Amino acid sequence: MKIHKCWVVLWNTNSIIGASPDALASSSCCGVRPLEVKSPFTHRNLSILEFASQPNSSLYMTSSREMKLKT
């Protein structure tokens, strides 16, 4: 997977419709997809490890103490 910077993405059939994702992710299996990164303000005072242990977190800790993104 590769991550590419982007600014505004315009709809190819109607240039007045667009979006501004944080980046574009591309892979051989899925093609190019928009990427949005969320940073919950309510968890701003937690460390990354504390955040991963929250039930509503987008992260989880594996048994080998590796952090992964929930799918």
C-alpha atoms as a PDB file:
ATOM      1  CA  MET A   1       0.000   0.000   0.000  1.00  0.00           C
ATOM      2  CA  LYS A   2       1.208   3.508  -0.793  1.00  0.00           C
ATOM      3  CA  ILE A   3      -0.074   6.784   0.632  1.00  0.00           C
ATOM      4  CA  HIS A   4      -0.155   9.876  -1.603  1.00  0.00           C
ATOM      5  CA  LYS A   5      -0.684  13.506  -0.584  1.00  0.00           C
ATOM      6  CA  CYS A   6      -3.696  15.164  -2.119  1.00  0.00           C
ATOM      7  CA  TRP A   7      -5.603  18.398  -1.863  1.00  0.00           C
ATOM      8  CA  VAL A   8      -8.948  18.585  -3.646  1.00  0.00           C
ATOM      9  CA  VAL A   9     -10.269  15.661  -5.660  1.00  0.00           C
ATOM     10  CA  LEU A  10     -12.838  16.587  -8.315  1.00  0.00           C
ATOM     11  CA  TRP A  11     -15.494  14.225  -9.628  1.00  0.00           C
ATOM     12  CA  ASN A  12     -14.352  13.321 -13.153  1.00  0.00           C
ATOM     13  CA  THR A  13     -17.800  13.794 -14.762  1.00  0.00           C
ATOM     14  CA  ASN A  14     -18.814  16.955 -12.893  1.00  0.00           C
ATOM     15  CA  SER A  15     -15.982  19.281 -11.881  1.00  0.00           C
ATOM     16  CA  ILE A  16     -18.118  21.254  -9.417  1.00  0.00           C
ATOM     17  CA  ILE A  17     -18.389  18.197  -7.132  1.00  0.00           C
ATOM     18  CA  GLY A  18     -15.302  17.361  -5.109  1.00  0.00           C
ATOM     19  CA  ALA A  19     -13.869  16.184  -1.828  1.00  0.00           C
ATOM     20  CA  SER A  20     -10.792  16.868   0.270  1.00  0.00           C
ATOM     21  CA  PRO A  21      -9.562  13.611   1.807  1.00  0.00           C
ATOM     22  CA  ASP A  22      -6.452  13.670   3.985  1.00  0.00           C
ATOM     23  CA  ALA A  23      -4.608  11.497   1.457  1.00  0.00           C
ATOM     24  CA  LEU A  24      -5.113   8.836  -1.206  1.00  0.00           C
ATOM     25  CA  ALA A  25      -4.209   5.209  -0.493  1.00  0.00           C
ATOM     26  CA  SER A  26      -3.371   2.911  -3.389  1.00  0.00           C
ATOM     27  CA  SER A  27      -2.767  -0.817  -3.498  1.00  0.00           C
ATOM     28  CA  SER A  28      -2.634  -3.531  -6.145  1.00  0.00           C
ATOM     29  CA  CYS A  29      -5.726  -5.243  -4.714  1.00  0.00           C
ATOM     30  CA  CYS A  30      -8.054  -2.272  -4.189  1.00  0.00           C
ATOM     31  CA  GLY A  31      -6.874   0.504  -6.512  1.00  0.00           C
ATOM     32  CA  VAL A  32      -6.972   4.118  -5.307  1.00  0.00           C
ATOM     33  CA  ARG A  33      -9.174   5.045  -2.339  1.00  0.00           C
ATOM     34  CA  PRO A  34      -9.586   8.224  -0.254  1.00  0.00           C
ATOM     35  CA  LEU A  35      -8.033   8.153   3.213  1.00  0.00           C
ATOM     36  CA  GLU A  36      -9.492  10.057   6.168  1.00  0.00           C
ATOM     37  CA  VAL A  37      -7.638  10.207   9.473  1.00  0.00           C
ATOM     38  CA  LYS A  38      -9.726  10.892  12.545  1.00  0.00           C
ATOM     39  CA  SER A  39      -8.268  12.344  15.703  1.00  0.00           C
ATOM     40  CA  PRO A  40     -10.945  12.266  18.413  1.00  0.00           C
ATOM     41  CA  PHE A  41     -10.825  15.465  20.448  1.00  0.00           C
ATOM     42  CA  THR A  42     -12.367  13.671  23.431  1.00  0.00           C
ATOM     43  CA  HIS A  43      -9.232  11.493  23.735  1.00  0.00           C
ATOM     44  CA  ARG A  44      -6.709  14.307  23.362  1.00  0.00           C
ATOM     45  CA  ASN A  45      -5.121  13.764  26.811  1.00  0.00           C
ATOM     46  CA  LEU A  46      -4.555  10.019  26.409  1.00  0.00           C
ATOM     47  CA  SER A  47      -1.342   8.378  25.295  1.00  0.00           C
ATOM     48  CA  ILE A  48      -1.545   6.190  22.191  1.00  0.00           C
ATOM     49  CA  LEU A  49      -1.492   3.082  24.415  1.00  0.00           C
ATOM     50  CA  GLU A  50      -4.333   4.428  26.573  1.00  0.00           C
ATOM     51  CA  PHE A  51      -6.299   5.334  23.453  1.00  0.00           C
ATOM     52  CA  ALA A  52      -5.881   1.821  22.026  1.00  0.00           C
ATOM     53  CA  SER A  53      -7.362   0.351  25.216  1.00  0.00           C
ATOM     54  CA  GLN A  54     -10.582   2.409  24.944  1.00  0.00           C
ATOM     55  CA  PRO A  55     -13.625   0.394  23.788  1.00  0.00           C
ATOM     56  CA  ASN A  56     -14.541   2.970  21.106  1.00  0.00           C
ATOM     57  CA  SER A  57     -10.970   3.345  19.828  1.00  0.00           C
ATOM     58  CA  SER A  58     -10.065   2.712  16.195  1.00  0.00           C
ATOM     59  CA  LEU A  59      -7.010   0.784  17.420  1.00  0.00           C
ATOM     60  CA  TYR A  60      -6.495  -2.457  19.284  1.00  0.00           C
ATOM     61  CA  MET A  61      -3.562  -4.218  20.933  1.00  0.00           C
ATOM     62  CA  THR A  62      -2.630  -7.739  19.844  1.00  0.00           C
ATOM     63  CA  SER A  63      -1.460 -10.434  22.253  1.00  0.00           C
ATOM     64  CA  SER A  64       2.124  -9.650  21.151  1.00  0.00           C
ATOM     65  CA  ARG A  65       1.572  -5.976  22.170  1.00  0.00           C
ATOM     66  CA  GLU A  66       1.411  -4.742  18.574  1.00  0.00           C
ATOM     67  CA  MET A  67      -1.087  -1.995  17.778  1.00  0.00           C
ATOM     68  CA  LYS A  68      -3.387  -2.542  14.805  1.00  0.00           C
ATOM     69  CA  LEU A  69      -6.161  -0.559  13.156  1.00  0.00           C
ATOM     70  CA  LYS A  70      -9.643  -2.034  13.565  1.00  0.00           C
ATOM     71  CA  THR A  71     -11.256  -2.896  10.235  1.00  0.00           C
END
